[in-house]
Amino acid sequence: MAEERAMRADARRNREAIVAAARVVFDQHQQVRFDDFAALAGVGVGTLYRHFPTRDALAAAVYEGEVALLCENAVDPARPAVENLESFLRGFVEYVLEHTGLARTLAAAEDPTVFTDGGIQIERTVADLVSQAARDGTVRDDMPVGAVMIVLHGIGTATGRPLWASESRAAVELLIAGLRAT
């Protein structure tokens, strides 16, 4: 039993090492063969394939980990709901700026359904934050969450524009202003 737990802990460490190595590769826009992720993580190729059968599955794991962190950081019980919402929206832009390599990898995925969980988590977080701020009366209660998601999706997919960073920050400020209750 103790050996089984140790193997599970070892497998978890191997998986985390692979994801950490992939995060660096994607963020630095490096082009590596899928098998090379194993060497970068210090594990065998079989271990890589056991955890991630495809490059898309590996990119999805990196994405989901980053999204989980982004969503966790969105909620600070010490802040008013509207500040949590605004912090998340601005943080989303910075997240995309920091992870453009990952965004490009996701855009080129052969099976985009592997990224569904991260998108669901972002939408759930946005819905919760908008709902809480609307209950407080600090944002409009007639703004559909889908409209917010369309703006965020546009920000995430416009990375090829020359002034994308500044325009994305301006777009999220426009969104925030449009959400405020009058």
C-alpha atoms as a PDB file:
ATOM      1  CA  MET A   1       0.000   0.000   0.000  1.00  0.00           C
ATOM      2  CA  ALA A   2       2.797   2.471   0.872  1.00  0.00           C
ATOM      3  CA  GLU A   3       4.585   1.537  -2.354  1.00  0.00           C
ATOM      4  CA  GLU A   4       1.373   2.199  -4.313  1.00  0.00           C
ATOM      5  CA  ARG A   5       1.029   5.652  -2.700  1.00  0.00           C
ATOM      6  CA  ALA A   6       4.689   6.414  -3.446  1.00  0.00           C
ATOM      7  CA  MET A   7       4.155   5.435  -7.090  1.00  0.00           C
ATOM      8  CA  ARG A   8       1.142   7.707  -7.290  1.00  0.00           C
ATOM      9  CA  ALA A   9       3.149  10.574  -5.776  1.00  0.00           C
ATOM     10  CA  ASP A  10       5.977   9.830  -8.232  1.00  0.00           C
ATOM     11  CA  ALA A  11       3.522   9.779 -11.146  1.00  0.00           C
ATOM     12  CA  ARG A  12       2.063  13.083  -9.956  1.00  0.00           C
ATOM     13  CA  ARG A  13       5.557  14.617  -9.776  1.00  0.00           C
ATOM     14  CA  ASN A  14       6.330  13.348 -13.283  1.00  0.00           C
ATOM     15  CA  ARG A  15       3.095  14.816 -14.624  1.00  0.00           C
ATOM     16  CA  GLU A  16       3.796  18.160 -12.938  1.00  0.00           C
ATOM     17  CA  ALA A  17       7.342  18.184 -14.356  1.00  0.00           C
ATOM     18  CA  ILE A  18       6.024  17.561 -17.871  1.00  0.00           C
ATOM     19  CA  VAL A  19       3.437  20.335 -17.542  1.00  0.00           C
ATOM     20  CA  ALA A  20       6.060  22.749 -16.142  1.00  0.00           C
ATOM     21  CA  ALA A  21       8.435  22.018 -19.025  1.00  0.00           C
ATOM     22  CA  ALA A  22       5.612  22.435 -21.544  1.00  0.00           C
ATOM     23  CA  ARG A  23       4.587  25.758 -20.003  1.00  0.00           C
ATOM     24  CA  VAL A  24       8.099  27.096 -20.623  1.00  0.00           C
ATOM     25  CA  VAL A  25       8.204  25.759 -24.183  1.00  0.00           C
ATOM     26  CA  PHE A  26       4.811  27.227 -25.074  1.00  0.00           C
ATOM     27  CA  ASP A  27       5.478  30.576 -23.382  1.00  0.00           C
ATOM     28  CA  GLN A  28       8.829  30.950 -25.152  1.00  0.00           C
ATOM     29  CA  HIS A  29       7.302  29.983 -28.522  1.00  0.00           C
ATOM     30  CA  GLN A  30       9.801  27.138 -28.868  1.00  0.00           C
ATOM     31  CA  GLN A  31       9.219  24.510 -31.514  1.00  0.00           C
ATOM     32  CA  VAL A  32      10.025  21.066 -30.157  1.00  0.00           C
ATOM     33  CA  ARG A  33       9.037  17.580 -31.179  1.00  0.00           C
ATOM     34  CA  PHE A  34       6.414  16.091 -28.868  1.00  0.00           C
ATOM     35  CA  ASP A  35       8.837  13.401 -27.628  1.00  0.00           C
ATOM     36  CA  ASP A  36      11.305  16.124 -26.582  1.00  0.00           C
ATOM     37  CA  PHE A  37       8.965  17.227 -23.792  1.00  0.00           C
ATOM     38  CA  ALA A  38       9.971  14.044 -21.968  1.00  0.00           C
ATOM     39  CA  ALA A  39      13.666  14.921 -21.946  1.00  0.00           C
ATOM     40  CA  LEU A  40      12.931  18.526 -20.962  1.00  0.00           C
ATOM     41  CA  ALA A  41      10.952  17.225 -17.985  1.00  0.00           C
ATOM     42  CA  GLY A  42      13.545  14.604 -17.068  1.00  0.00           C
ATOM     43  CA  VAL A  43      11.199  11.666 -17.662  1.00  0.00           C
ATOM     44  CA  GLY A  44      10.999   8.854 -20.173  1.00  0.00           C
ATOM     45  CA  VAL A  45       9.001   9.024 -23.380  1.00  0.00           C
ATOM     46  CA  GLY A  46       6.673   6.305 -22.099  1.00  0.00           C
ATOM     47  CA  THR A  47       5.874   8.452 -19.068  1.00  0.00           C
ATOM     48  CA  LEU A  48       5.080  11.383 -21.341  1.00  0.00           C
ATOM     49  CA  TYR A  49       2.668   9.303 -23.447  1.00  0.00           C
ATOM     50  CA  ARG A  50       1.115   7.685 -20.369  1.00  0.00           C
ATOM     51  CA  HIS A  51       0.110  11.121 -19.069  1.00  0.00           C
ATOM     52  CA  PHE A  52      -0.401  12.948 -22.383  1.00  0.00           C
ATOM     53  CA  PRO A  53      -1.092  10.888 -25.483  1.00  0.00           C
ATOM     54  CA  THR A  54      -0.949  13.965 -27.756  1.00  0.00           C
ATOM     55  CA  ARG A  55       0.513  17.462 -27.921  1.00  0.00           C
ATOM     56  CA  ASP A  56      -3.049  18.820 -27.693  1.00  0.00           C
ATOM     57  CA  ALA A  57      -3.626  16.920 -24.447  1.00  0.00           C
ATOM     58  CA  LEU A  58      -0.423  18.381 -23.018  1.00  0.00           C
ATOM     59  CA  ALA A  59      -1.349  21.908 -24.127  1.00  0.00           C
ATOM     60  CA  ALA A  60      -4.792  21.408 -22.568  1.00  0.00           C
ATOM     61  CA  ALA A  61      -3.197  20.456 -19.232  1.00  0.00           C
ATOM     62  CA  VAL A  62      -1.014  23.577 -19.296  1.00  0.00           C
ATOM     63  CA  TYR A  63      -4.018  25.705 -20.242  1.00  0.00           C
ATOM     64  CA  GLU A  64      -6.262  24.235 -17.556  1.00  0.00           C
ATOM     65  CA  GLY A  65      -3.620  24.772 -14.885  1.00  0.00           C
ATOM     66  CA  GLU A  66      -3.149  28.391 -15.920  1.00  0.00           C
ATOM     67  CA  VAL A  67      -6.900  28.984 -16.103  1.00  0.00           C
ATOM     68  CA  ALA A  68      -7.403  27.454 -12.654  1.00  0.00           C
ATOM     69  CA  LEU A  69      -4.817  29.839 -11.232  1.00  0.00           C
ATOM     70  CA  LEU A  70      -6.349  32.826 -13.029  1.00  0.00           C
ATOM     71  CA  CYS A  71      -9.824  31.958 -11.724  1.00  0.00           C
ATOM     72  CA  GLU A  72      -8.619  31.266  -8.177  1.00  0.00           C
ATOM     73  CA  ASN A  73      -6.867  34.634  -8.059  1.00  0.00           C
ATOM     74  CA  ALA A  74     -10.059  36.378  -9.202  1.00  0.00           C
ATOM     75  CA  VAL A  75     -11.822  36.052  -5.879  1.00  0.00           C
ATOM     76  CA  ASP A  76     -10.595  37.936  -2.858  1.00  0.00           C
ATOM     77  CA  PRO A  77     -13.244  37.959  -0.124  1.00  0.00           C
ATOM     78  CA  ALA A  78     -11.715  41.164   1.272  1.00  0.00           C
ATOM     79  CA  ARG A  79     -12.513  43.089  -1.941  1.00  0.00           C
ATOM     80  CA  PRO A  80     -15.897  44.288  -3.187  1.00  0.00           C
ATOM     81  CA  ALA A  81     -17.400  42.092  -5.919  1.00  0.00           C
ATOM     82  CA  VAL A  82     -16.912  44.751  -8.604  1.00  0.00           C
ATOM     83  CA  GLU A  83     -13.187  44.932  -7.817  1.00  0.00           C
ATOM     84  CA  ASN A  84     -12.924  41.149  -8.122  1.00  0.00           C
ATOM     85  CA  LEU A  85     -14.649  41.350 -11.516  1.00  0.00           C
ATOM     86  CA  GLU A  86     -12.455  44.176 -12.775  1.00  0.00           C
ATOM     87  CA  SER A  87      -9.330  42.471 -11.464  1.00  0.00           C
ATOM     88  CA  PHE A  88     -10.274  39.261 -13.265  1.00  0.00           C
ATOM     89  CA  LEU A  89     -10.994  41.038 -16.558  1.00  0.00           C
ATOM     90  CA  ARG A  90      -7.716  42.948 -16.467  1.00  0.00           C
ATOM     91  CA  GLY A  91      -5.924  39.812 -15.298  1.00  0.00           C
ATOM     92  CA  PHE A  92      -7.339  37.900 -18.243  1.00  0.00           C
ATOM     93  CA  VAL A  93      -5.713  40.344 -20.665  1.00  0.00           C
ATOM     94  CA  GLU A  94      -2.378  40.071 -18.851  1.00  0.00           C
ATOM     95  CA  TYR A  95      -2.731  36.280 -18.810  1.00  0.00           C
ATOM     96  CA  VAL A  96      -3.197  36.225 -22.599  1.00  0.00           C
ATOM     97  CA  LEU A  97      -0.265  38.627 -23.050  1.00  0.00           C
ATOM     98  CA  GLU A  98       1.986  36.358 -20.979  1.00  0.00           C
ATOM     99  CA  HIS A  99       0.856  33.201 -22.740  1.00  0.00           C
ATOM    100  CA  THR A 100       0.642  34.099 -26.424  1.00  0.00           C
ATOM    101  CA  GLY A 101       2.677  31.024 -27.331  1.00  0.00           C
ATOM    102  CA  LEU A 102       0.180  28.817 -25.548  1.00  0.00           C
ATOM    103  CA  ALA A 103      -2.675  30.707 -27.231  1.00  0.00           C
ATOM    104  CA  ARG A 104      -1.138  30.008 -30.642  1.00  0.00           C
ATOM    105  CA  THR A 105      -0.696  26.344 -29.737  1.00  0.00           C
ATOM    106  CA  LEU A 106      -4.338  26.155 -28.688  1.00  0.00           C
ATOM    107  CA  ALA A 107      -5.463  27.877 -31.892  1.00  0.00           C
ATOM    108  CA  ALA A 108      -3.580  25.271 -33.962  1.00  0.00           C
ATOM    109  CA  ALA A 109      -5.001  22.306 -32.058  1.00  0.00           C
ATOM    110  CA  GLU A 110      -6.283  19.445 -34.148  1.00  0.00           C
ATOM    111  CA  ASP A 111      -8.967  18.729 -31.538  1.00  0.00           C
ATOM    112  CA  PRO A 112     -10.168  21.984 -29.965  1.00  0.00           C
ATOM    113  CA  THR A 113     -12.589  20.083 -27.713  1.00  0.00           C
ATOM    114  CA  VAL A 114      -9.681  19.196 -25.410  1.00  0.00           C
ATOM    115  CA  PHE A 115      -9.711  22.826 -24.215  1.00  0.00           C
ATOM    116  CA  THR A 116     -13.395  22.918 -23.322  1.00  0.00           C
ATOM    117  CA  ASP A 117     -12.915  22.577 -19.555  1.00  0.00           C
ATOM    118  CA  GLY A 118     -10.774  25.705 -19.305  1.00  0.00           C
ATOM    119  CA  GLY A 119     -13.309  27.744 -21.268  1.00  0.00           C
ATOM    120  CA  ILE A 120     -16.111  26.453 -19.075  1.00  0.00           C
ATOM    121  CA  GLN A 121     -14.165  27.424 -15.957  1.00  0.00           C
ATOM    122  CA  ILE A 122     -13.529  30.949 -17.284  1.00  0.00           C
ATOM    123  CA  GLU A 123     -17.191  31.405 -18.195  1.00  0.00           C
ATOM    124  CA  ARG A 124     -18.334  30.089 -14.808  1.00  0.00           C
ATOM    125  CA  THR A 125     -15.966  32.517 -13.064  1.00  0.00           C
ATOM    126  CA  VAL A 126     -17.162  35.444 -15.180  1.00  0.00           C
ATOM    127  CA  ALA A 127     -20.800  34.503 -14.520  1.00  0.00           C
ATOM    128  CA  ASP A 128     -20.209  34.319 -10.765  1.00  0.00           C
ATOM    129  CA  LEU A 129     -18.305  37.611 -10.671  1.00  0.00           C
ATOM    130  CA  VAL A 130     -20.858  39.472 -12.797  1.00  0.00           C
ATOM    131  CA  SER A 131     -23.729  38.033 -10.759  1.00  0.00           C
ATOM    132  CA  GLN A 132     -22.135  39.040  -7.434  1.00  0.00           C
ATOM    133  CA  ALA A 133     -21.386  42.566  -8.655  1.00  0.00           C
ATOM    134  CA  ALA A 134     -24.914  42.905 -10.107  1.00  0.00           C
ATOM    135  CA  ARG A 135     -26.408  41.867  -6.749  1.00  0.00           C
ATOM    136  CA  ASP A 136     -24.352  44.644  -5.146  1.00  0.00           C
ATOM    137  CA  GLY A 137     -25.739  47.072  -7.707  1.00  0.00           C
ATOM    138  CA  THR A 138     -22.282  48.021  -8.979  1.00  0.00           C
ATOM    139  CA  VAL A 139     -22.679  46.535 -12.468  1.00  0.00           C
ATOM    140  CA  ARG A 140     -25.614  46.297 -14.828  1.00  0.00           C
ATOM    141  CA  ASP A 141     -27.862  43.319 -14.320  1.00  0.00           C
ATOM    142  CA  ASP A 142     -28.963  43.222 -17.974  1.00  0.00           C
ATOM    143  CA  MET A 143     -25.600  42.342 -19.506  1.00  0.00           C
ATOM    144  CA  PRO A 144     -25.483  38.715 -20.657  1.00  0.00           C
ATOM    145  CA  VAL A 145     -22.394  36.791 -19.630  1.00  0.00           C
ATOM    146  CA  GLY A 146     -22.086  35.659 -23.243  1.00  0.00           C
ATOM    147  CA  ALA A 147     -21.406  39.242 -24.298  1.00  0.00           C
ATOM    148  CA  VAL A 148     -18.522  39.452 -21.827  1.00  0.00           C
ATOM    149  CA  MET A 149     -17.202  36.134 -23.103  1.00  0.00           C
ATOM    150  CA  ILE A 150     -17.306  37.345 -26.717  1.00  0.00           C
ATOM    151  CA  VAL A 151     -15.144  40.334 -25.790  1.00  0.00           C
ATOM    152  CA  LEU A 152     -12.686  38.070 -23.938  1.00  0.00           C
ATOM    153  CA  HIS A 153     -12.625  35.646 -26.864  1.00  0.00           C
ATOM    154  CA  GLY A 154     -11.905  38.522 -29.239  1.00  0.00           C
ATOM    155  CA  ILE A 155      -9.026  39.625 -27.049  1.00  0.00           C
ATOM    156  CA  GLY A 156      -7.645  36.104 -26.990  1.00  0.00           C
ATOM    157  CA  THR A 157      -7.811  35.615 -30.741  1.00  0.00           C
ATOM    158  CA  ALA A 158      -6.538  38.995 -31.947  1.00  0.00           C
ATOM    159  CA  THR A 159      -2.912  38.367 -30.959  1.00  0.00           C
ATOM    160  CA  GLY A 160      -1.632  39.053 -34.471  1.00  0.00           C
ATOM    161  CA  ARG A 161      -2.616  42.737 -34.451  1.00  0.00           C
ATOM    162  CA  PRO A 162       0.377  45.113 -34.269  1.00  0.00           C
ATOM    163  CA  LEU A 163      -0.993  47.069 -31.278  1.00  0.00           C
ATOM    164  CA  TRP A 164      -2.724  44.067 -29.767  1.00  0.00           C
ATOM    165  CA  ALA A 165      -1.470  44.551 -26.191  1.00  0.00           C
ATOM    166  CA  SER A 166      -2.554  48.173 -25.852  1.00  0.00           C
ATOM    167  CA  GLU A 167      -5.764  47.587 -27.814  1.00  0.00           C
ATOM    168  CA  SER A 168      -6.647  44.599 -25.634  1.00  0.00           C
ATOM    169  CA  ARG A 169      -6.130  46.624 -22.485  1.00  0.00           C
ATOM    170  CA  ALA A 170      -8.302  49.390 -23.964  1.00  0.00           C
ATOM    171  CA  ALA A 171     -10.987  46.853 -24.954  1.00  0.00           C
ATOM    172  CA  VAL A 172     -11.200  45.463 -21.429  1.00  0.00           C
ATOM    173  CA  GLU A 173     -11.445  48.990 -19.996  1.00  0.00           C
ATOM    174  CA  LEU A 174     -14.280  49.654 -22.442  1.00  0.00           C
ATOM    175  CA  LEU A 175     -15.941  46.448 -21.279  1.00  0.00           C
ATOM    176  CA  ILE A 176     -15.549  47.425 -17.622  1.00  0.00           C
ATOM    177  CA  ALA A 177     -17.025  50.875 -18.295  1.00  0.00           C
ATOM    178  CA  GLY A 178     -19.940  49.280 -20.163  1.00  0.00           C
ATOM    179  CA  LEU A 179     -20.634  46.916 -17.277  1.00  0.00           C
ATOM    180  CA  ARG A 180     -20.832  49.612 -14.621  1.00  0.00           C
ATOM    181  CA  ALA A 181     -24.265  50.447 -13.300  1.00  0.00           C
ATOM    182  CA  THR A 182     -25.362  53.985 -14.091  1.00  0.00           C
END
